[in-house]
Amino acid sequence: MLDKKKKNQIIAKFKTHANDTGSPEVQIAILTMEITELTEHLKTHKKDFSSRRGLIRKVNQRRKLLRYLEKTNEKSFDNMVKKLKIKITKRQMSSLEPSEEELEQIEETNTEETTNE
């Protein structure tokens, strides 16, 4: 668990305005540090399953916040991923981009519309 001093340092580093404590950027940064600490704890205490459950919960919460941030503010999302060195899986990135099949379908409908006119 992060102590108050570390948490305030993280908030100061990632805040978006003067009184910011709950923006997605700050929440993601805090969760990342908590995940790092829990990971270190679990390396030494391999059978601590309640902490493992907490780690999984924090990772899922961070993933949801990252997905939200990516949809709403892509520039901020890119900055957060670079600063915190978060690995983004291909599946997460591909969910926003259309697949090759979807692109082909879009092209086919566009060509059909132009030939019908």
N, C-alpha and C. Protein backbone atom coordinates (compact mmCIF):
# COMPACT_ATOMS: atom_id res chain seq x y z
N MET A 1 0.84 -1.19 0.00
CA MET A 1 0.00 0.00 0.00
C MET A 1 0.88 1.24 0.00
N LEU A 2 0.50 2.21 -0.79
CA LEU A 2 1.28 3.45 -0.88
C LEU A 2 1.05 4.30 0.36
N ASP A 3 2.12 4.90 0.87
CA ASP A 3 1.94 5.83 1.98
C ASP A 3 1.54 7.20 1.42
N LYS A 4 1.12 8.06 2.30
CA LYS A 4 0.57 9.36 1.91
C LYS A 4 1.59 10.20 1.13
N LYS A 5 2.84 10.14 1.53
CA LYS A 5 3.88 10.94 0.89
C LYS A 5 4.08 10.52 -0.57
N LYS A 6 4.19 9.21 -0.81
CA LYS A 6 4.36 8.72 -2.17
C LYS A 6 3.15 9.06 -3.04
N LYS A 7 1.97 8.89 -2.45
CA LYS A 7 0.74 9.16 -3.19
C LYS A 7 0.66 10.63 -3.60
N ASN A 8 1.02 11.53 -2.69
CA ASN A 8 1.01 12.96 -3.00
C ASN A 8 2.04 13.31 -4.07
N GLN A 9 3.18 12.63 -4.06
CA GLN A 9 4.19 12.85 -5.10
C GLN A 9 3.65 12.43 -6.48
N ILE A 10 2.97 11.31 -6.52
CA ILE A 10 2.39 10.83 -7.78
C ILE A 10 1.32 11.80 -8.27
N ILE A 11 0.47 12.25 -7.35
CA ILE A 11 -0.59 13.20 -7.72
C ILE A 11 0.03 14.48 -8.27
N ALA A 12 1.08 14.97 -7.61
CA ALA A 12 1.74 16.21 -8.07
C ALA A 12 2.34 16.03 -9.46
N LYS A 13 2.85 14.86 -9.74
CA LYS A 13 3.51 14.62 -11.03
C LYS A 13 2.51 14.48 -12.18
N PHE A 14 1.35 13.87 -11.94
CA PHE A 14 0.43 13.54 -13.02
C PHE A 14 -0.85 14.36 -13.04
N LYS A 15 -1.00 15.32 -12.15
CA LYS A 15 -2.25 16.09 -12.10
C LYS A 15 -2.43 16.93 -13.36
N THR A 16 -3.69 17.12 -13.75
CA THR A 16 -3.99 17.88 -14.96
C THR A 16 -4.33 19.33 -14.65
N HIS A 17 -4.73 19.62 -13.41
CA HIS A 17 -4.97 20.99 -12.96
C HIS A 17 -4.63 21.09 -11.48
N ALA A 18 -4.77 22.28 -10.90
CA ALA A 18 -4.27 22.55 -9.55
C ALA A 18 -4.84 21.63 -8.47
N ASN A 19 -6.14 21.41 -8.47
CA ASN A 19 -6.78 20.61 -7.41
C ASN A 19 -7.12 19.20 -7.87
N ASP A 20 -6.38 18.69 -8.81
CA ASP A 20 -6.69 17.39 -9.40
C ASP A 20 -6.24 16.25 -8.50
N THR A 21 -7.19 15.37 -8.14
CA THR A 21 -6.83 14.16 -7.41
C THR A 21 -7.49 12.92 -8.01
N GLY A 22 -8.48 13.10 -8.86
CA GLY A 22 -9.23 11.94 -9.33
C GLY A 22 -9.32 11.78 -10.83
N SER A 23 -8.52 12.51 -11.58
CA SER A 23 -8.56 12.36 -13.04
C SER A 23 -8.05 10.97 -13.42
N PRO A 24 -8.43 10.47 -14.58
CA PRO A 24 -7.95 9.14 -14.99
C PRO A 24 -6.43 9.03 -14.99
N GLU A 25 -5.75 10.11 -15.36
CA GLU A 25 -4.28 10.09 -15.38
C GLU A 25 -3.71 9.81 -14.00
N VAL A 26 -4.24 10.50 -12.99
CA VAL A 26 -3.77 10.32 -11.61
C VAL A 26 -4.12 8.93 -11.11
N GLN A 27 -5.35 8.49 -11.38
CA GLN A 27 -5.78 7.16 -10.93
C GLN A 27 -4.91 6.07 -11.54
N ILE A 28 -4.60 6.20 -12.83
CA ILE A 28 -3.77 5.20 -13.51
C ILE A 28 -2.37 5.18 -12.91
N ALA A 29 -1.81 6.35 -12.64
CA ALA A 29 -0.46 6.42 -12.06
C ALA A 29 -0.43 5.78 -10.67
N ILE A 30 -1.43 6.07 -9.85
CA ILE A 30 -1.49 5.50 -8.50
C ILE A 30 -1.64 3.98 -8.58
N LEU A 31 -2.55 3.52 -9.45
CA LEU A 31 -2.74 2.07 -9.60
C LEU A 31 -1.46 1.40 -10.09
N THR A 32 -0.74 2.04 -10.98
CA THR A 32 0.50 1.46 -11.49
C THR A 32 1.52 1.27 -10.38
N MET A 33 1.65 2.26 -9.51
CA MET A 33 2.59 2.13 -8.40
C MET A 33 2.14 1.06 -7.41
N GLU A 34 0.84 0.97 -7.16
CA GLU A 34 0.32 -0.07 -6.27
C GLU A 34 0.56 -1.45 -6.88
N ILE A 35 0.36 -1.57 -8.19
CA ILE A 35 0.60 -2.84 -8.88
C ILE A 35 2.06 -3.24 -8.76
N THR A 36 2.96 -2.27 -8.92
CA THR A 36 4.39 -2.54 -8.80
C THR A 36 4.74 -3.05 -7.41
N GLU A 37 4.20 -2.39 -6.38
CA GLU A 37 4.48 -2.82 -5.00
C GLU A 37 3.90 -4.20 -4.72
N LEU A 38 2.67 -4.45 -5.19
CA LEU A 38 2.07 -5.77 -4.96
C LEU A 38 2.84 -6.86 -5.69
N THR A 39 3.33 -6.57 -6.87
CA THR A 39 4.11 -7.55 -7.63
C THR A 39 5.38 -7.92 -6.87
N GLU A 40 6.05 -6.93 -6.32
CA GLU A 40 7.26 -7.20 -5.52
C GLU A 40 6.91 -8.04 -4.29
N HIS A 41 5.80 -7.72 -3.65
CA HIS A 41 5.36 -8.47 -2.46
C HIS A 41 5.10 -9.93 -2.83
N LEU A 42 4.45 -10.13 -3.98
CA LEU A 42 4.09 -11.50 -4.38
C LEU A 42 5.31 -12.31 -4.82
N LYS A 43 6.39 -11.66 -5.20
CA LYS A 43 7.61 -12.40 -5.54
C LYS A 43 8.19 -13.09 -4.32
N THR A 44 8.05 -12.45 -3.15
CA THR A 44 8.59 -13.05 -1.93
C THR A 44 7.56 -13.91 -1.20
N HIS A 45 6.28 -13.58 -1.35
CA HIS A 45 5.21 -14.32 -0.67
C HIS A 45 4.32 -14.97 -1.73
N LYS A 46 4.81 -16.07 -2.28
CA LYS A 46 4.15 -16.71 -3.41
C LYS A 46 2.75 -17.25 -3.09
N LYS A 47 2.48 -17.59 -1.84
CA LYS A 47 1.20 -18.20 -1.50
C LYS A 47 0.19 -17.21 -0.92
N ASP A 48 0.45 -15.95 -1.06
CA ASP A 48 -0.46 -14.92 -0.56
C ASP A 48 -1.54 -14.68 -1.61
N PHE A 49 -2.58 -15.52 -1.58
CA PHE A 49 -3.58 -15.48 -2.63
C PHE A 49 -4.54 -14.31 -2.50
N SER A 50 -4.75 -13.80 -1.30
CA SER A 50 -5.62 -12.64 -1.16
C SER A 50 -4.97 -11.40 -1.77
N SER A 51 -3.67 -11.28 -1.64
CA SER A 51 -2.95 -10.17 -2.29
C SER A 51 -2.94 -10.36 -3.80
N ARG A 52 -2.85 -11.59 -4.26
CA ARG A 52 -2.89 -11.87 -5.69
C ARG A 52 -4.24 -11.45 -6.27
N ARG A 53 -5.30 -11.73 -5.53
CA ARG A 53 -6.64 -11.33 -5.95
C ARG A 53 -6.74 -9.81 -6.03
N GLY A 54 -6.16 -9.12 -5.05
CA GLY A 54 -6.14 -7.66 -5.06
C GLY A 54 -5.36 -7.11 -6.24
N LEU A 55 -4.25 -7.78 -6.57
CA LEU A 55 -3.44 -7.37 -7.72
C LEU A 55 -4.24 -7.49 -9.01
N ILE A 56 -4.93 -8.59 -9.19
CA ILE A 56 -5.74 -8.79 -10.39
C ILE A 56 -6.83 -7.73 -10.48
N ARG A 57 -7.43 -7.40 -9.35
CA ARG A 57 -8.47 -6.37 -9.32
C ARG A 57 -7.91 -5.01 -9.74
N LYS A 58 -6.73 -4.68 -9.24
CA LYS A 58 -6.10 -3.39 -9.59
C LYS A 58 -5.71 -3.35 -11.07
N VAL A 59 -5.20 -4.45 -11.59
CA VAL A 59 -4.82 -4.50 -13.01
C VAL A 59 -6.06 -4.31 -13.89
N ASN A 60 -7.16 -4.96 -13.52
CA ASN A 60 -8.39 -4.81 -14.30
C ASN A 60 -8.93 -3.40 -14.22
N GLN A 61 -8.87 -2.79 -13.05
CA GLN A 61 -9.34 -1.41 -12.89
C GLN A 61 -8.49 -0.46 -13.73
N ARG A 62 -7.17 -0.67 -13.73
CA ARG A 62 -6.28 0.17 -14.53
C ARG A 62 -6.57 -0.01 -16.02
N ARG A 63 -6.84 -1.26 -16.43
CA ARG A 63 -7.14 -1.53 -17.83
C ARG A 63 -8.39 -0.78 -18.27
N LYS A 64 -9.41 -0.76 -17.42
CA LYS A 64 -10.64 -0.03 -17.74
C LYS A 64 -10.38 1.46 -17.86
N LEU A 65 -9.61 2.00 -16.93
CA LEU A 65 -9.29 3.43 -16.97
C LEU A 65 -8.46 3.78 -18.21
N LEU A 66 -7.53 2.91 -18.58
CA LEU A 66 -6.73 3.14 -19.78
C LEU A 66 -7.60 3.11 -21.03
N ARG A 67 -8.54 2.19 -21.07
CA ARG A 67 -9.45 2.11 -22.22
C ARG A 67 -10.28 3.39 -22.32
N TYR A 68 -10.78 3.88 -21.18
CA TYR A 68 -11.55 5.12 -21.15
C TYR A 68 -10.69 6.29 -21.62
N LEU A 69 -9.48 6.38 -21.11
CA LEU A 69 -8.58 7.48 -21.47
C LEU A 69 -8.23 7.43 -22.95
N GLU A 70 -8.07 6.23 -23.49
CA GLU A 70 -7.74 6.09 -24.91
C GLU A 70 -8.89 6.60 -25.78
N LYS A 71 -10.12 6.34 -25.35
CA LYS A 71 -11.28 6.78 -26.13
C LYS A 71 -11.48 8.29 -26.03
N THR A 72 -11.23 8.86 -24.86
CA THR A 72 -11.54 10.27 -24.64
C THR A 72 -10.39 11.21 -24.96
N ASN A 73 -9.15 10.80 -24.68
CA ASN A 73 -8.01 11.69 -24.86
C ASN A 73 -6.79 10.86 -25.27
N GLU A 74 -6.66 10.62 -26.56
CA GLU A 74 -5.63 9.72 -27.06
C GLU A 74 -4.21 10.24 -26.80
N LYS A 75 -4.04 11.55 -26.87
CA LYS A 75 -2.71 12.14 -26.63
C LYS A 75 -2.27 11.88 -25.19
N SER A 76 -3.17 12.09 -24.25
CA SER A 76 -2.87 11.85 -22.85
C SER A 76 -2.60 10.36 -22.60
N PHE A 77 -3.36 9.51 -23.29
CA PHE A 77 -3.17 8.07 -23.18
C PHE A 77 -1.76 7.68 -23.61
N ASP A 78 -1.32 8.21 -24.75
CA ASP A 78 0.03 7.90 -25.24
C ASP A 78 1.10 8.37 -24.27
N ASN A 79 0.91 9.57 -23.70
CA ASN A 79 1.87 10.09 -22.73
C ASN A 79 1.94 9.21 -21.49
N MET A 80 0.78 8.77 -20.99
CA MET A 80 0.75 7.94 -19.79
C MET A 80 1.45 6.60 -20.03
N VAL A 81 1.19 6.00 -21.17
CA VAL A 81 1.80 4.70 -21.49
C VAL A 81 3.32 4.84 -21.57
N LYS A 82 3.79 5.93 -22.15
CA LYS A 82 5.24 6.14 -22.26
C LYS A 82 5.87 6.43 -20.90
N LYS A 83 5.24 7.32 -20.12
CA LYS A 83 5.80 7.70 -18.82
C LYS A 83 5.85 6.53 -17.85
N LEU A 84 4.77 5.76 -17.82
CA LEU A 84 4.67 4.66 -16.85
C LEU A 84 5.20 3.34 -17.39
N LYS A 85 5.58 3.32 -18.68
CA LYS A 85 6.12 2.12 -19.33
C LYS A 85 5.14 0.95 -19.21
N ILE A 86 3.89 1.22 -19.57
CA ILE A 86 2.84 0.20 -19.52
C ILE A 86 2.82 -0.53 -20.86
N LYS A 87 2.77 -1.85 -20.80
CA LYS A 87 2.69 -2.65 -22.02
C LYS A 87 1.23 -2.74 -22.44
N ILE A 88 0.96 -2.41 -23.68
CA ILE A 88 -0.39 -2.50 -24.22
C ILE A 88 -0.44 -3.70 -25.15
N THR A 89 -1.37 -4.61 -24.89
CA THR A 89 -1.46 -5.80 -25.72
C THR A 89 -2.07 -5.46 -27.06
N LYS A 90 -1.82 -6.32 -28.02
CA LYS A 90 -2.32 -6.12 -29.37
C LYS A 90 -3.85 -6.13 -29.39
N ARG A 91 -4.44 -6.98 -28.56
CA ARG A 91 -5.90 -7.11 -28.53
C ARG A 91 -6.55 -5.81 -28.11
N GLN A 92 -5.98 -5.12 -27.11
CA GLN A 92 -6.54 -3.86 -26.67
C GLN A 92 -6.47 -2.82 -27.78
N MET A 93 -5.35 -2.75 -28.47
CA MET A 93 -5.18 -1.77 -29.53
C MET A 93 -6.06 -2.11 -30.73
N SER A 94 -6.20 -3.39 -31.05
CA SER A 94 -6.96 -3.78 -32.23
C SER A 94 -8.45 -3.60 -32.03
N SER A 95 -8.91 -3.49 -30.79
CA SER A 95 -10.34 -3.32 -30.56
C SER A 95 -10.82 -1.97 -31.06
N LEU A 96 -9.93 -1.00 -31.17
CA LEU A 96 -10.31 0.32 -31.64
C LEU A 96 -10.18 0.46 -33.15
N GLU A 97 -9.29 -0.30 -33.75
CA GLU A 97 -9.07 -0.21 -35.18
C GLU A 97 -9.88 -1.29 -35.90
N PRO A 98 -10.45 -0.96 -37.06
CA PRO A 98 -11.20 -1.98 -37.80
C PRO A 98 -10.25 -3.04 -38.36
N SER A 99 -10.75 -4.27 -38.44
CA SER A 99 -9.93 -5.35 -38.97
C SER A 99 -9.86 -5.22 -40.50
N GLU A 100 -9.04 -6.06 -41.11
CA GLU A 100 -8.90 -6.03 -42.57
C GLU A 100 -10.22 -6.38 -43.24
N GLU A 101 -10.95 -7.35 -42.68
CA GLU A 101 -12.24 -7.74 -43.24
C GLU A 101 -13.23 -6.58 -43.18
N GLU A 102 -13.25 -5.87 -42.06
CA GLU A 102 -14.15 -4.73 -41.93
C GLU A 102 -13.79 -3.63 -42.92
N LEU A 103 -12.49 -3.41 -43.13
CA LEU A 103 -12.05 -2.41 -44.10
C LEU A 103 -12.48 -2.79 -45.52
N GLU A 104 -12.38 -4.08 -45.86
CA GLU A 104 -12.81 -4.54 -47.18
C GLU A 104 -14.31 -4.35 -47.36
N GLN A 105 -15.09 -4.63 -46.32
CA GLN A 105 -16.54 -4.44 -46.40
C GLN A 105 -16.88 -2.98 -46.60
N ILE A 106 -16.18 -2.10 -45.92
CA ILE A 106 -16.42 -0.66 -46.05
C ILE A 106 -16.10 -0.22 -47.47
N GLU A 107 -14.98 -0.71 -48.02
CA GLU A 107 -14.61 -0.36 -49.39
C GLU A 107 -15.64 -0.87 -50.39
N GLU A 108 -16.14 -2.09 -50.18
CA GLU A 108 -17.16 -2.65 -51.08
C GLU A 108 -18.43 -1.83 -51.05
N THR A 109 -18.87 -1.43 -49.86
CA THR A 109 -20.09 -0.62 -49.78
C THR A 109 -19.88 0.75 -50.42
N ASN A 110 -18.68 1.31 -50.28
CA ASN A 110 -18.39 2.60 -50.90
C ASN A 110 -18.39 2.49 -52.42
N THR A 111 -17.83 1.40 -52.97
CA THR A 111 -17.81 1.24 -54.42
C THR A 111 -19.20 0.97 -54.96
N GLU A 112 -20.02 0.23 -54.20
CA GLU A 112 -21.41 -0.02 -54.62
C GLU A 112 -22.21 1.27 -54.64
N GLU A 113 -22.00 2.12 -53.66
CA GLU A 113 -22.72 3.39 -53.60
C GLU A 113 -22.33 4.29 -54.76
N THR A 114 -21.07 4.29 -55.13
CA THR A 114 -20.63 5.15 -56.23
C THR A 114 -21.12 4.62 -57.57
N THR A 115 -21.24 3.29 -57.73
CA THR A 115 -21.75 2.74 -58.99
C THR A 115 -23.25 2.93 -59.11
N ASN A 116 -23.97 2.95 -57.99
CA ASN A 116 -25.42 3.14 -58.01
C ASN A 116 -25.80 4.58 -58.32
N GLU A 117 -24.94 5.51 -58.05
CA GLU A 117 -25.24 6.92 -58.30
C GLU A 117 -25.06 7.20 -59.73
